[in-house]
Amino acid sequence: MGTLRNPSSRVIGVHGLPTPVISLIQEQAEVRGLFRDPLPEVTHGLRTDVVSVGSRWFGRSRPRRHAVELLLTPDVLVVCDRDPDSDGMDPDTQVTFHRLQQVEVTAGDADGAPGLSLLSTPVGSTERSCRVVSTDGGPESARFFEALTDAAERSRTAAETPVPRMPVDSRSPEYT
């Protein structure tokens, strides 16, 4: 007895999300204290649908579907877990936001299956956590992985750049 998982990944845009999911992302961004709505700034999006079929002792089991949407902005990664078959808003839908300067991303999972392994502290959380998002390992997944690693690296180098504590005034001696 085991579970068969069949992931399929594809590129998406914000317009491809259902209206209740868009509303939930905007609401959660405000609740979590993000200073602006992340959706207008999305540069890359990836949706993975996972169909899992578990074996049962008697009879056939019903396949279950699960969708994970990853939306990349210049400073935040939005992860939305949900049931794609539910009408309206599913109470089990979860949205998390990850600041790119804190995200460590690797390809694949511990078993070597295709996917993305994300290690970060979600916005609003106090604990660092690891999350594996299954993908099909196709070219869309590879492009998203590359864009995510590049954006995370740019965000980290921008965060490490020293910023002067006080603005330099043209009348100050340091200006000359």
Protein backbone atom coordinates (compact mmCIF):
# COMPACT_ATOMS: atom_id res chain seq x y z
CA MET A 1 0.00 0.00 0.00
CA GLY A 2 1.32 3.38 -0.92
CA THR A 3 0.48 6.73 -2.35
CA LEU A 4 1.04 7.64 -5.97
CA ARG A 5 1.72 11.34 -6.57
CA ASN A 6 1.66 12.87 -10.00
CA PRO A 7 2.72 16.55 -10.07
CA SER A 8 2.28 18.79 -13.09
CA SER A 9 3.61 22.35 -13.20
CA ARG A 10 2.79 25.29 -15.43
CA VAL A 11 3.45 29.01 -15.63
CA ILE A 12 0.69 31.26 -14.30
CA GLY A 13 0.02 34.92 -13.87
CA VAL A 14 -2.00 36.77 -11.29
CA HIS A 15 -4.92 36.84 -13.73
CA GLY A 16 -4.97 33.02 -13.60
CA LEU A 17 -5.88 32.94 -9.91
CA PRO A 18 -9.51 32.71 -8.82
CA THR A 19 -10.95 35.97 -7.45
CA PRO A 20 -11.36 34.61 -3.88
CA VAL A 21 -7.67 33.62 -3.82
CA ILE A 22 -6.61 37.07 -5.01
CA SER A 23 -8.73 38.63 -2.27
CA LEU A 24 -7.25 36.30 0.35
CA ILE A 25 -3.67 37.12 -0.71
CA GLN A 26 -4.38 40.86 -0.51
CA GLU A 27 -6.09 40.48 2.86
CA GLN A 28 -3.29 38.35 4.31
CA ALA A 29 -0.64 40.77 3.02
CA GLU A 30 -2.33 43.53 5.00
CA VAL A 31 -2.77 41.36 8.10
CA ARG A 32 0.88 40.24 8.00
CA GLY A 33 2.09 43.83 7.79
CA LEU A 34 3.45 43.97 4.25
CA PHE A 35 3.65 47.61 3.29
CA ARG A 36 2.01 47.09 -0.12
CA ASP A 37 -0.03 44.61 -2.14
CA PRO A 38 2.45 42.13 -3.70
CA LEU A 39 0.26 41.07 -6.64
CA PRO A 40 0.94 44.01 -9.02
CA GLU A 41 4.68 43.33 -8.72
CA VAL A 42 4.62 39.61 -9.62
CA THR A 43 7.37 38.83 -12.13
CA HIS A 44 7.11 35.02 -12.26
CA GLY A 45 4.43 32.53 -11.30
CA LEU A 46 4.31 28.74 -11.12
CA ARG A 47 1.39 26.48 -10.29
CA THR A 48 1.84 22.84 -9.38
CA ASP A 49 -1.14 20.50 -9.28
CA VAL A 50 -0.51 17.28 -7.41
CA VAL A 51 -2.91 14.40 -7.90
CA SER A 52 -2.44 11.74 -5.24
CA VAL A 53 -4.08 8.37 -5.17
CA GLY A 54 -3.75 6.28 -2.04
CA SER A 55 -4.42 2.60 -2.08
CA ARG A 56 -7.16 1.18 0.12
CA TRP A 57 -7.84 -2.26 1.46
CA PHE A 58 -11.22 -2.58 -0.25
CA GLY A 59 -12.44 -0.76 -3.31
CA ARG A 60 -10.94 2.11 -5.21
CA SER A 61 -9.77 5.26 -3.59
CA ARG A 62 -10.74 8.63 -4.92
CA PRO A 63 -7.91 10.78 -6.28
CA ARG A 64 -7.22 13.96 -4.31
CA ARG A 65 -5.99 17.14 -5.95
CA HIS A 66 -3.88 19.81 -4.31
CA ALA A 67 -2.58 23.03 -5.89
CA VAL A 68 0.38 25.16 -4.85
CA GLU A 69 0.88 28.54 -6.47
CA LEU A 70 4.22 30.33 -6.18
CA LEU A 71 4.26 34.03 -7.05
CA LEU A 72 7.60 35.83 -7.19
CA THR A 73 8.00 39.58 -6.69
CA PRO A 74 11.27 41.54 -6.41
CA ASP A 75 11.24 41.22 -2.60
CA VAL A 76 8.65 38.58 -1.57
CA LEU A 77 7.73 35.01 -2.50
CA VAL A 78 4.01 34.27 -2.08
CA VAL A 79 3.06 30.62 -1.53
CA CYS A 80 -0.62 29.63 -1.73
CA ASP A 81 -1.77 26.09 -0.83
CA ARG A 82 -5.32 25.20 -1.75
CA ASP A 83 -7.83 22.68 -3.04
CA PRO A 84 -8.40 23.53 -6.71
CA ASP A 85 -11.74 21.70 -6.81
CA SER A 86 -13.50 23.75 -4.15
CA ASP A 87 -15.94 26.45 -5.21
CA GLY A 88 -15.34 29.79 -3.60
CA MET A 89 -12.94 30.04 -0.67
CA ASP A 90 -11.80 26.80 0.92
CA PRO A 91 -11.20 27.16 4.69
CA ASP A 92 -8.02 25.08 4.35
CA THR A 93 -6.40 27.54 1.92
CA GLN A 94 -3.10 28.83 3.31
CA VAL A 95 -1.09 31.81 2.15
CA THR A 96 2.45 32.51 3.32
CA PHE A 97 4.86 35.29 2.43
CA HIS A 98 8.64 34.83 2.44
CA ARG A 99 11.09 37.74 2.26
CA LEU A 100 13.64 36.90 -0.43
CA GLN A 101 16.67 37.98 1.62
CA GLN A 102 15.83 35.16 4.08
CA VAL A 103 14.93 32.43 1.57
CA GLU A 104 17.33 29.57 0.92
CA VAL A 105 16.16 27.53 -2.04
CA THR A 106 17.47 24.24 -3.43
CA ALA A 107 16.27 22.05 -6.26
CA GLY A 108 14.75 18.69 -5.41
CA ASP A 109 13.79 17.11 -2.13
CA ALA A 110 15.51 14.63 0.20
CA ASP A 111 14.43 11.71 -2.01
CA GLY A 112 15.81 13.31 -5.16
CA ALA A 113 12.34 13.89 -6.62
CA PRO A 114 11.84 17.07 -8.66
CA GLY A 115 10.74 20.05 -6.63
CA LEU A 116 11.81 23.16 -4.75
CA SER A 117 12.98 23.08 -1.14
CA LEU A 118 12.39 26.41 0.61
CA LEU A 119 13.98 27.28 3.95
CA SER A 120 12.90 30.59 5.49
CA THR A 121 10.97 32.35 8.21
CA PRO A 122 7.52 33.25 6.83
CA VAL A 123 6.40 36.84 7.43
CA GLY A 124 4.56 36.96 10.76
CA SER A 125 6.20 33.79 12.07
CA THR A 126 8.94 33.48 14.66
CA GLU A 127 10.26 30.10 13.58
CA ARG A 128 12.28 29.13 10.54
CA SER A 129 10.71 26.30 8.58
CA CYS A 130 11.44 24.11 5.59
CA ARG A 131 8.91 23.53 2.87
CA VAL A 132 9.14 21.25 -0.16
CA VAL A 133 7.00 22.06 -3.19
CA SER A 134 6.74 19.16 -5.64
CA THR A 135 7.14 20.02 -9.31
CA ASP A 136 7.27 18.01 -12.50
CA GLY A 137 10.89 18.98 -13.16
CA GLY A 138 10.03 20.49 -16.54
CA PRO A 139 11.42 23.62 -18.19
CA GLU A 140 8.83 25.92 -16.54
CA SER A 141 9.92 24.68 -13.11
CA ALA A 142 13.58 25.15 -14.00
CA ARG A 143 12.98 28.74 -15.19
CA PHE A 144 11.07 29.55 -12.01
CA PHE A 145 13.84 28.02 -9.86
CA GLU A 146 16.45 30.10 -11.69
CA ALA A 147 14.40 33.31 -11.34
CA LEU A 148 13.84 32.61 -7.63
CA THR A 149 17.52 31.96 -6.87
CA ASP A 150 18.56 35.09 -8.83
CA ALA A 151 15.99 37.27 -7.06
CA ALA A 152 16.98 35.89 -3.63
CA GLU A 153 20.65 36.57 -4.34
CA ARG A 154 19.93 40.13 -5.54
CA SER A 155 17.82 40.75 -2.45
CA ARG A 156 20.56 39.49 -0.12
CA THR A 157 23.27 41.63 -1.74
CA ALA A 158 20.99 44.68 -1.61
CA ALA A 159 20.33 44.02 2.09
CA GLU A 160 24.07 43.75 2.80
CA THR A 161 24.91 47.07 1.14
CA PRO A 162 25.63 49.59 3.89
CA VAL A 163 23.34 52.59 4.01
CA PRO A 164 24.45 55.85 5.65
CA ARG A 165 22.73 56.36 8.99
CA MET A 166 22.11 60.05 8.46
CA PRO A 167 21.55 61.82 5.18
CA VAL A 168 24.42 63.98 4.11
CA ASP A 169 23.48 67.64 4.10
CA SER A 170 25.10 69.99 1.61
CA ARG A 171 26.08 72.28 4.51
CA SER A 172 27.84 69.56 6.47
CA PRO A 173 31.66 69.22 6.42
CA GLU A 174 31.36 65.62 5.15
CA TYR A 175 29.79 66.85 1.93
CA THR A 176 32.95 68.61 0.71
